[in-house]
Amino acid sequence: MPDSARAKRNIEKVIEIPAEISAEEIATLDKRRTQELVFAMVAPIGSGATTVAEILRAKIEENFGYQANVIKISSLINDRAESLGGQRIQPNDPERVEHLQNLGNKLWPAAGLSDTRLS
């Protein structure tokens, strides 16, 4: 049995594969697997998401030997504020949330994307 057919059969044991996905496509995806894990968290301000992310990071490092990094989108946006036509804002600034949201909204067109909510 070719590797691509074997890969599709093995994956079908775990999930239902739509008929329009070929065995060759499954084999290609199978070859692209890595040991990398990505978790994303989105939560309201003050909900404890940062605490949960730090606990998750620690558990992944302690129990599974991964090197884990917590990346906050707000920090990335703030770091690139000037390239978005704005200024960096301090963590304790009362206007921080609105300022970062406005800068984040500028990322849509800068990335060549559109968000109808912004128009």
N, C-alpha and C. Protein backbone atom coordinates (compact mmCIF):
# COMPACT_ATOMS: atom_id res chain seq x y z
N MET A 1 0.85 -1.17 0.00
CA MET A 1 0.00 0.00 0.00
C MET A 1 0.90 1.25 0.00
N PRO A 2 0.65 2.22 -0.88
CA PRO A 2 1.46 3.44 -0.93
C PRO A 2 1.35 4.21 0.39
N ASP A 3 2.41 4.99 0.72
CA ASP A 3 2.42 5.76 1.96
C ASP A 3 1.23 6.72 2.05
N SER A 4 0.85 7.33 0.92
CA SER A 4 -0.25 8.29 0.95
C SER A 4 -1.57 7.61 1.34
N ALA A 5 -1.81 6.43 0.83
CA ALA A 5 -3.03 5.69 1.18
C ALA A 5 -2.99 5.26 2.64
N ARG A 6 -1.83 4.84 3.12
CA ARG A 6 -1.68 4.43 4.52
C ARG A 6 -1.92 5.62 5.44
N ALA A 7 -1.39 6.78 5.07
CA ALA A 7 -1.57 7.99 5.89
C ALA A 7 -3.05 8.34 5.98
N LYS A 8 -3.75 8.28 4.85
CA LYS A 8 -5.18 8.61 4.87
C LYS A 8 -5.94 7.61 5.72
N ARG A 9 -5.62 6.33 5.60
CA ARG A 9 -6.31 5.31 6.38
C ARG A 9 -6.08 5.53 7.88
N ASN A 10 -4.83 5.85 8.27
CA ASN A 10 -4.52 6.08 9.67
C ASN A 10 -5.24 7.31 10.22
N ILE A 11 -5.29 8.37 9.44
CA ILE A 11 -5.97 9.58 9.88
C ILE A 11 -7.47 9.35 9.96
N GLU A 12 -8.02 8.57 9.04
CA GLU A 12 -9.46 8.31 9.05
C GLU A 12 -9.88 7.57 10.32
N LYS A 13 -8.96 6.89 10.97
CA LYS A 13 -9.29 6.22 12.22
C LYS A 13 -9.58 7.25 13.32
N VAL A 14 -9.02 8.44 13.18
CA VAL A 14 -9.15 9.47 14.20
C VAL A 14 -10.23 10.48 13.85
N ILE A 15 -10.27 10.92 12.61
CA ILE A 15 -11.26 11.92 12.19
C ILE A 15 -11.90 11.49 10.88
N GLU A 16 -13.04 12.05 10.61
CA GLU A 16 -13.72 11.78 9.35
C GLU A 16 -13.16 12.71 8.28
N ILE A 17 -12.63 12.15 7.21
CA ILE A 17 -12.01 12.92 6.14
C ILE A 17 -13.03 13.10 5.01
N PRO A 18 -13.29 14.35 4.58
CA PRO A 18 -14.20 14.56 3.45
C PRO A 18 -13.67 13.85 2.20
N ALA A 19 -14.58 13.32 1.41
CA ALA A 19 -14.21 12.53 0.22
C ALA A 19 -13.38 13.34 -0.77
N GLU A 20 -13.58 14.68 -0.81
CA GLU A 20 -12.86 15.48 -1.81
C GLU A 20 -11.39 15.69 -1.46
N ILE A 21 -10.95 15.27 -0.29
CA ILE A 21 -9.53 15.37 0.07
C ILE A 21 -8.85 14.06 -0.32
N SER A 22 -7.85 14.19 -1.18
CA SER A 22 -7.18 13.00 -1.71
C SER A 22 -6.17 12.43 -0.72
N ALA A 23 -5.81 11.18 -0.95
CA ALA A 23 -4.79 10.52 -0.13
C ALA A 23 -3.46 11.23 -0.27
N GLU A 24 -3.17 11.78 -1.45
CA GLU A 24 -1.92 12.49 -1.66
C GLU A 24 -1.86 13.76 -0.81
N GLU A 25 -3.01 14.46 -0.71
CA GLU A 25 -3.04 15.66 0.12
C GLU A 25 -2.81 15.31 1.59
N ILE A 26 -3.37 14.21 2.04
CA ILE A 26 -3.19 13.77 3.42
C ILE A 26 -1.73 13.44 3.66
N ALA A 27 -1.10 12.76 2.74
CA ALA A 27 0.31 12.39 2.90
C ALA A 27 1.18 13.64 2.97
N THR A 28 0.85 14.64 2.17
CA THR A 28 1.60 15.90 2.19
C THR A 28 1.49 16.55 3.55
N LEU A 29 0.29 16.61 4.09
CA LEU A 29 0.09 17.18 5.42
C LEU A 29 0.82 16.37 6.48
N ASP A 30 0.79 15.06 6.33
CA ASP A 30 1.44 14.19 7.30
C ASP A 30 2.94 14.46 7.34
N LYS A 31 3.56 14.74 6.19
CA LYS A 31 4.99 15.01 6.13
C LYS A 31 5.35 16.36 6.74
N ARG A 32 4.37 17.26 6.89
CA ARG A 32 4.62 18.59 7.41
C ARG A 32 4.46 18.68 8.92
N ARG A 33 4.13 17.59 9.56
CA ARG A 33 3.94 17.62 11.01
C ARG A 33 5.23 17.99 11.72
N THR A 34 5.06 18.73 12.81
CA THR A 34 6.20 19.07 13.67
C THR A 34 5.77 18.81 15.11
N GLN A 35 6.69 18.97 16.01
CA GLN A 35 6.40 18.82 17.43
C GLN A 35 5.95 20.14 18.05
N GLU A 36 5.80 21.17 17.22
CA GLU A 36 5.42 22.49 17.70
C GLU A 36 3.95 22.51 18.12
N LEU A 37 3.69 23.15 19.24
CA LEU A 37 2.33 23.33 19.73
C LEU A 37 2.01 24.82 19.78
N VAL A 38 0.80 25.18 19.41
CA VAL A 38 0.37 26.58 19.47
C VAL A 38 -0.97 26.63 20.18
N PHE A 39 -1.03 27.41 21.22
CA PHE A 39 -2.27 27.65 21.95
C PHE A 39 -2.59 29.13 21.83
N ALA A 40 -3.84 29.47 21.63
CA ALA A 40 -4.25 30.87 21.56
C ALA A 40 -5.36 31.11 22.58
N MET A 41 -5.26 32.22 23.26
CA MET A 41 -6.26 32.58 24.26
C MET A 41 -6.76 33.99 23.94
N VAL A 42 -8.06 34.15 23.98
CA VAL A 42 -8.67 35.46 23.81
C VAL A 42 -9.67 35.60 24.95
N ALA A 43 -9.55 36.70 25.69
CA ALA A 43 -10.43 36.89 26.84
C ALA A 43 -10.54 38.37 27.16
N PRO A 44 -11.60 38.75 27.86
CA PRO A 44 -11.76 40.15 28.25
C PRO A 44 -10.66 40.60 29.22
N ILE A 45 -10.43 41.88 29.27
CA ILE A 45 -9.44 42.46 30.17
C ILE A 45 -9.84 42.12 31.61
N GLY A 46 -8.86 41.71 32.40
CA GLY A 46 -9.08 41.42 33.80
C GLY A 46 -9.69 40.06 34.09
N SER A 47 -9.79 39.22 33.07
CA SER A 47 -10.43 37.90 33.25
C SER A 47 -9.48 36.83 33.77
N GLY A 48 -8.19 37.14 33.80
CA GLY A 48 -7.22 36.16 34.28
C GLY A 48 -6.53 35.37 33.19
N ALA A 49 -6.68 35.79 31.94
CA ALA A 49 -6.07 35.05 30.82
C ALA A 49 -4.55 35.02 30.93
N THR A 50 -3.94 36.09 31.39
CA THR A 50 -2.48 36.11 31.54
C THR A 50 -2.05 35.09 32.58
N THR A 51 -2.78 35.00 33.68
CA THR A 51 -2.47 34.02 34.72
C THR A 51 -2.61 32.60 34.18
N VAL A 52 -3.69 32.34 33.46
CA VAL A 52 -3.90 31.02 32.88
C VAL A 52 -2.80 30.69 31.87
N ALA A 53 -2.42 31.66 31.05
CA ALA A 53 -1.34 31.43 30.07
C ALA A 53 -0.03 31.09 30.77
N GLU A 54 0.27 31.77 31.86
CA GLU A 54 1.52 31.48 32.60
C GLU A 54 1.47 30.10 33.25
N ILE A 55 0.33 29.72 33.79
CA ILE A 55 0.19 28.38 34.37
C ILE A 55 0.35 27.32 33.29
N LEU A 56 -0.30 27.52 32.14
CA LEU A 56 -0.18 26.59 31.02
C LEU A 56 1.26 26.48 30.55
N ARG A 57 1.95 27.63 30.43
CA ARG A 57 3.35 27.63 30.03
C ARG A 57 4.19 26.80 31.00
N ALA A 58 4.01 27.04 32.29
CA ALA A 58 4.79 26.32 33.29
C ALA A 58 4.52 24.82 33.25
N LYS A 59 3.26 24.44 33.12
CA LYS A 59 2.91 23.01 33.09
C LYS A 59 3.49 22.32 31.85
N ILE A 60 3.44 23.01 30.71
CA ILE A 60 3.99 22.43 29.48
C ILE A 60 5.50 22.23 29.61
N GLU A 61 6.17 23.21 30.20
CA GLU A 61 7.62 23.08 30.38
C GLU A 61 7.96 21.99 31.40
N GLU A 62 7.27 22.00 32.54
CA GLU A 62 7.57 21.04 33.60
C GLU A 62 7.22 19.60 33.23
N ASN A 63 6.07 19.40 32.61
CA ASN A 63 5.57 18.05 32.37
C ASN A 63 5.94 17.45 31.02
N PHE A 64 6.25 18.30 30.05
CA PHE A 64 6.49 17.78 28.70
C PHE A 64 7.83 18.18 28.11
N GLY A 65 8.60 18.99 28.82
CA GLY A 65 9.93 19.36 28.36
C GLY A 65 9.97 20.34 27.20
N TYR A 66 8.88 20.99 26.90
CA TYR A 66 8.86 21.99 25.84
C TYR A 66 9.40 23.31 26.37
N GLN A 67 9.96 24.11 25.47
CA GLN A 67 10.25 25.50 25.79
C GLN A 67 9.02 26.28 25.36
N ALA A 68 8.38 26.93 26.28
CA ALA A 68 7.13 27.63 25.98
C ALA A 68 7.31 29.14 26.12
N ASN A 69 6.65 29.87 25.26
CA ASN A 69 6.69 31.34 25.28
C ASN A 69 5.27 31.86 25.27
N VAL A 70 5.03 32.86 26.10
CA VAL A 70 3.74 33.56 26.08
C VAL A 70 3.95 34.82 25.26
N ILE A 71 3.19 34.97 24.21
CA ILE A 71 3.30 36.14 23.33
C ILE A 71 1.99 36.89 23.43
N LYS A 72 2.07 38.13 23.87
CA LYS A 72 0.87 38.95 24.00
C LYS A 72 0.76 39.86 22.77
N ILE A 73 -0.36 39.75 22.08
CA ILE A 73 -0.58 40.57 20.88
C ILE A 73 -0.51 42.05 21.22
N SER A 74 -1.03 42.42 22.39
CA SER A 74 -0.99 43.84 22.77
C SER A 74 0.46 44.35 22.83
N SER A 75 1.38 43.51 23.29
CA SER A 75 2.79 43.91 23.33
C SER A 75 3.36 44.05 21.93
N LEU A 76 3.00 43.13 21.04
CA LEU A 76 3.48 43.21 19.66
C LEU A 76 2.96 44.48 18.98
N ILE A 77 1.69 44.79 19.20
CA ILE A 77 1.11 46.00 18.61
C ILE A 77 1.81 47.23 19.18
N ASN A 78 2.00 47.27 20.50
CA ASN A 78 2.65 48.41 21.14
C ASN A 78 4.09 48.57 20.63
N ASP A 79 4.79 47.46 20.45
CA ASP A 79 6.17 47.52 19.94
C ASP A 79 6.24 48.10 18.53
N ARG A 80 5.19 47.96 17.77
CA ARG A 80 5.17 48.43 16.38
C ARG A 80 4.30 49.66 16.20
N ALA A 81 4.01 50.36 17.27
CA ALA A 81 3.11 51.52 17.23
C ALA A 81 3.55 52.56 16.22
N GLU A 82 4.82 52.90 16.21
CA GLU A 82 5.30 53.96 15.32
C GLU A 82 5.12 53.58 13.85
N SER A 83 5.32 52.31 13.52
CA SER A 83 5.15 51.89 12.12
C SER A 83 3.68 51.92 11.71
N LEU A 84 2.78 51.99 12.69
CA LEU A 84 1.34 52.08 12.43
C LEU A 84 0.83 53.51 12.53
N GLY A 85 1.76 54.47 12.67
CA GLY A 85 1.38 55.87 12.74
C GLY A 85 0.97 56.33 14.13
N GLY A 86 1.36 55.58 15.14
CA GLY A 86 1.00 55.95 16.51
C GLY A 86 2.22 56.01 17.39
N GLN A 87 1.97 56.06 18.67
CA GLN A 87 3.05 56.09 19.65
C GLN A 87 2.87 54.95 20.63
N ARG A 88 3.99 54.47 21.19
CA ARG A 88 3.92 53.45 22.25
C ARG A 88 3.18 54.03 23.44
N ILE A 89 2.54 53.17 24.19
CA ILE A 89 1.80 53.61 25.37
C ILE A 89 2.26 52.81 26.58
N GLN A 90 2.28 53.44 27.72
CA GLN A 90 2.75 52.81 28.95
C GLN A 90 1.69 51.85 29.50
N PRO A 91 2.13 50.79 30.20
CA PRO A 91 1.19 49.79 30.73
C PRO A 91 0.14 50.35 31.69
N ASN A 92 0.47 51.43 32.41
CA ASN A 92 -0.47 51.97 33.38
C ASN A 92 -1.31 53.13 32.85
N ASP A 93 -1.19 53.45 31.57
CA ASP A 93 -1.95 54.54 30.98
C ASP A 93 -3.43 54.17 30.91
N PRO A 94 -4.33 55.02 31.42
CA PRO A 94 -5.76 54.68 31.41
C PRO A 94 -6.36 54.58 30.00
N GLU A 95 -5.67 55.12 29.00
CA GLU A 95 -6.14 55.06 27.61
C GLU A 95 -5.54 53.89 26.85
N ARG A 96 -4.78 53.04 27.56
CA ARG A 96 -4.02 51.97 26.91
C ARG A 96 -4.87 51.04 26.06
N VAL A 97 -5.99 50.55 26.59
CA VAL A 97 -6.81 49.58 25.87
C VAL A 97 -7.35 50.18 24.58
N GLU A 98 -7.96 51.34 24.67
CA GLU A 98 -8.52 51.96 23.47
C GLU A 98 -7.42 52.30 22.46
N HIS A 99 -6.30 52.79 22.95
CA HIS A 99 -5.18 53.14 22.08
C HIS A 99 -4.68 51.91 21.31
N LEU A 100 -4.49 50.80 22.02
CA LEU A 100 -4.01 49.58 21.35
C LEU A 100 -5.07 49.00 20.41
N GLN A 101 -6.34 49.13 20.76
CA GLN A 101 -7.39 48.66 19.84
C GLN A 101 -7.37 49.47 18.56
N ASN A 102 -7.21 50.78 18.68
CA ASN A 102 -7.15 51.63 17.49
C ASN A 102 -5.93 51.29 16.63
N LEU A 103 -4.79 51.06 17.27
CA LEU A 103 -3.60 50.67 16.51
C LEU A 103 -3.81 49.30 15.84
N GLY A 104 -4.42 48.38 16.58
CA GLY A 104 -4.70 47.06 16.03
C GLY A 104 -5.62 47.13 14.82
N ASN A 105 -6.58 48.04 14.85
CA ASN A 105 -7.49 48.21 13.71
C ASN A 105 -6.74 48.66 12.46
N LYS A 106 -5.62 49.36 12.65
CA LYS A 106 -4.82 49.81 11.51
C LYS A 106 -4.06 48.65 10.87
N LEU A 107 -3.96 47.54 11.57
CA LEU A 107 -3.25 46.39 11.01
C LEU A 107 -4.00 45.76 9.83
N TRP A 108 -5.33 45.82 9.85
CA TRP A 108 -6.12 45.20 8.77
C TRP A 108 -5.70 45.73 7.40
N PRO A 109 -5.82 47.02 7.15
CA PRO A 109 -5.41 47.50 5.82
C PRO A 109 -3.90 47.38 5.59
N ALA A 110 -3.10 47.55 6.66
CA ALA A 110 -1.64 47.42 6.50
C ALA A 110 -1.26 46.03 6.05
N ALA A 111 -2.08 45.03 6.43
CA ALA A 111 -1.82 43.64 6.04
C ALA A 111 -2.52 43.28 4.73
N GLY A 112 -3.19 44.27 4.13
CA GLY A 112 -3.89 44.01 2.87
C GLY A 112 -5.21 43.29 3.07
N LEU A 113 -5.74 43.35 4.29
CA LEU A 113 -7.01 42.70 4.61
C LEU A 113 -8.07 43.77 4.84
N SER A 114 -9.31 43.36 4.82
CA SER A 114 -10.37 44.32 5.13
C SER A 114 -11.26 43.71 6.21
N ASP A 115 -11.77 44.57 7.01
CA ASP A 115 -12.71 44.17 8.06
C ASP A 115 -13.88 45.12 7.95
N THR A 116 -15.02 44.60 7.56
CA THR A 116 -16.19 45.45 7.33
C THR A 116 -16.62 46.18 8.59
N ARG A 117 -16.25 45.68 9.76
CA ARG A 117 -16.61 46.37 10.99
C ARG A 117 -15.90 47.71 11.09
N LEU A 118 -14.80 47.90 10.38
CA LEU A 118 -14.01 49.10 10.49
C LEU A 118 -14.50 50.20 9.56
N SER A 119 -15.37 49.87 8.61
CA SER A 119 -15.79 50.89 7.67
C SER A 119 -17.08 51.55 8.08
